[in-house]
């Protein structure tokens, strides 16, 4: 739970900061990316594959749910529905982009990046 009201932070700025924090982690693993807001997510550069998503519920300025960062997961599930309501969107992961690698510290890096990057 994260209070946008306490931090005087708008939804768009919160989403962009969160996606930038994930992008910093992706970059630390050698994957270049960019934040896009329509639809919101983190997309690989080059390639335009979706690496991270946002799913928020905000009630009275307090967030619930959050961000999804594909580190090493079964991507075949994303073939069963249109991602972000758009057919043709390709979803990827750090593992897919970098091949077999050790991502054991990815969770810690992501948490630290969020703590550093969010107001």
Protein backbone atom coordinates (compact mmCIF):
# COMPACT_ATOMS: atom_id res chain seq x y z
CA UNK A 1 0.00 0.00 0.00
CA UNK A 2 1.38 3.39 -1.02
CA UNK A 3 -0.29 6.70 -0.20
CA UNK A 4 -0.20 9.09 -3.12
CA UNK A 5 -1.97 11.71 -0.99
CA UNK A 6 0.73 11.67 1.71
CA UNK A 7 3.41 12.06 -0.95
CA UNK A 8 1.45 14.65 -2.96
CA UNK A 9 1.95 12.52 -6.02
CA UNK A 10 -0.33 12.16 -9.04
CA UNK A 11 -1.16 8.79 -10.56
CA UNK A 12 0.71 9.41 -13.82
CA UNK A 13 3.88 10.50 -12.02
CA UNK A 14 3.67 7.46 -9.72
CA UNK A 15 3.26 5.06 -12.67
CA UNK A 16 6.10 6.65 -14.64
CA UNK A 17 8.44 6.57 -11.62
CA UNK A 18 7.61 2.93 -10.92
CA UNK A 19 8.21 1.90 -14.52
CA UNK A 20 11.48 3.87 -14.62
CA UNK A 21 12.59 2.01 -11.47
CA UNK A 22 11.91 -1.32 -13.21
CA UNK A 23 13.66 -0.01 -16.32
CA UNK A 24 16.77 0.73 -14.26
CA UNK A 25 16.84 -2.89 -13.12
CA UNK A 26 16.33 -4.15 -16.69
CA UNK A 27 19.23 -1.94 -17.79
CA UNK A 28 21.43 -3.39 -15.02
CA UNK A 29 20.86 -6.78 -16.70
CA UNK A 30 21.66 -5.36 -20.13
CA UNK A 31 18.12 -4.89 -21.44
CA UNK A 32 17.30 -1.42 -22.82
CA UNK A 33 13.73 -0.24 -22.41
CA UNK A 34 11.42 2.74 -22.45
CA UNK A 35 8.37 3.78 -20.46
CA UNK A 36 5.16 4.19 -22.46
CA UNK A 37 1.86 5.36 -21.06
CA UNK A 38 -0.60 4.25 -23.76
CA UNK A 39 -0.86 1.44 -22.93
CA UNK A 40 1.16 1.81 -19.75
CA UNK A 41 4.16 -0.45 -19.47
CA UNK A 42 7.87 -0.92 -19.98
CA UNK A 43 8.83 -1.84 -23.53
CA UNK A 44 12.13 -3.16 -24.89
CA UNK A 45 14.24 -1.00 -27.20
CA UNK A 46 14.67 -2.08 -29.89
CA UNK A 47 11.87 -4.56 -30.43
CA UNK A 48 8.91 -3.02 -28.64
CA UNK A 49 8.13 -6.08 -26.52
CA UNK A 50 6.32 -5.60 -23.22
CA UNK A 51 8.61 -6.31 -20.25
CA UNK A 52 6.55 -4.86 -17.38
CA UNK A 53 2.91 -3.98 -16.77
CA UNK A 54 0.88 -1.86 -14.37
CA UNK A 55 -2.31 -2.89 -12.63
CA UNK A 56 -3.43 -0.38 -10.04
CA UNK A 57 -6.47 0.21 -7.93
CA UNK A 58 -6.48 3.59 -6.24
CA UNK A 59 -9.00 4.38 -3.56
CA UNK A 60 -8.94 7.72 -1.76
CA UNK A 61 -5.37 8.30 -2.94
CA UNK A 62 -3.99 4.97 -1.72
CA UNK A 63 -2.70 2.41 -4.21
CA UNK A 64 -3.36 -1.28 -4.12
CA UNK A 65 -1.93 -3.92 -6.47
CA UNK A 66 0.96 -2.56 -8.50
CA UNK A 67 3.54 -3.48 -11.09
CA UNK A 68 4.40 -6.74 -12.82
CA UNK A 69 7.99 -7.27 -13.99
CA UNK A 70 8.59 -10.35 -16.14
CA UNK A 71 11.90 -11.73 -14.95
CA UNK A 72 11.74 -15.44 -15.76
CA UNK A 73 8.26 -16.77 -16.34
CA UNK A 74 6.27 -18.91 -18.73
CA UNK A 75 5.40 -16.46 -21.51
CA UNK A 76 3.06 -18.90 -23.28
CA UNK A 77 0.19 -17.77 -21.03
CA UNK A 78 0.28 -14.37 -22.73
CA UNK A 79 -0.59 -15.99 -26.06
CA UNK A 80 -4.08 -16.82 -24.78
CA UNK A 81 -5.43 -13.27 -24.60
CA UNK A 82 -4.78 -9.84 -26.13
CA UNK A 83 -2.30 -8.14 -23.80
CA UNK A 84 -3.48 -4.66 -22.82
CA UNK A 85 -6.51 -5.33 -24.99
CA UNK A 86 -4.35 -5.09 -28.10
CA UNK A 87 -3.81 -7.98 -30.45
CA UNK A 88 -0.24 -8.38 -31.62
CA UNK A 89 1.43 -7.20 -28.40
CA UNK A 90 4.44 -9.40 -27.68
CA UNK A 91 5.39 -10.00 -24.06
CA UNK A 92 8.96 -10.77 -23.06
CA UNK A 93 11.05 -11.33 -19.94
CA UNK A 94 14.61 -10.69 -18.80
CA UNK A 95 15.31 -14.37 -19.32
CA UNK A 96 13.94 -14.25 -22.89
CA UNK A 97 15.97 -11.13 -23.74
CA UNK A 98 19.23 -12.21 -22.10
CA UNK A 99 19.10 -15.99 -22.47
CA UNK A 100 19.85 -18.19 -19.50
CA UNK A 101 21.13 -16.02 -16.68
CA UNK A 102 21.14 -15.79 -12.92
CA UNK A 103 18.37 -13.47 -11.82
CA UNK A 104 18.40 -14.48 -8.15
CA UNK A 105 18.99 -10.90 -7.04
CA UNK A 106 16.46 -9.31 -9.43
CA UNK A 107 13.81 -9.01 -6.71
CA UNK A 108 16.21 -7.23 -4.35
CA UNK A 109 17.41 -4.92 -7.14
CA UNK A 110 13.81 -4.07 -8.03
CA UNK A 111 12.86 -3.27 -4.43
CA UNK A 112 15.96 -1.08 -4.00
CA UNK A 113 15.27 0.70 -7.29
CA UNK A 114 11.68 1.43 -6.22
CA UNK A 115 12.80 2.74 -2.84
CA UNK A 116 15.37 4.98 -4.51
CA UNK A 117 13.19 6.10 -7.42
CA UNK A 118 9.79 6.80 -5.88
CA UNK A 119 9.12 10.03 -4.04
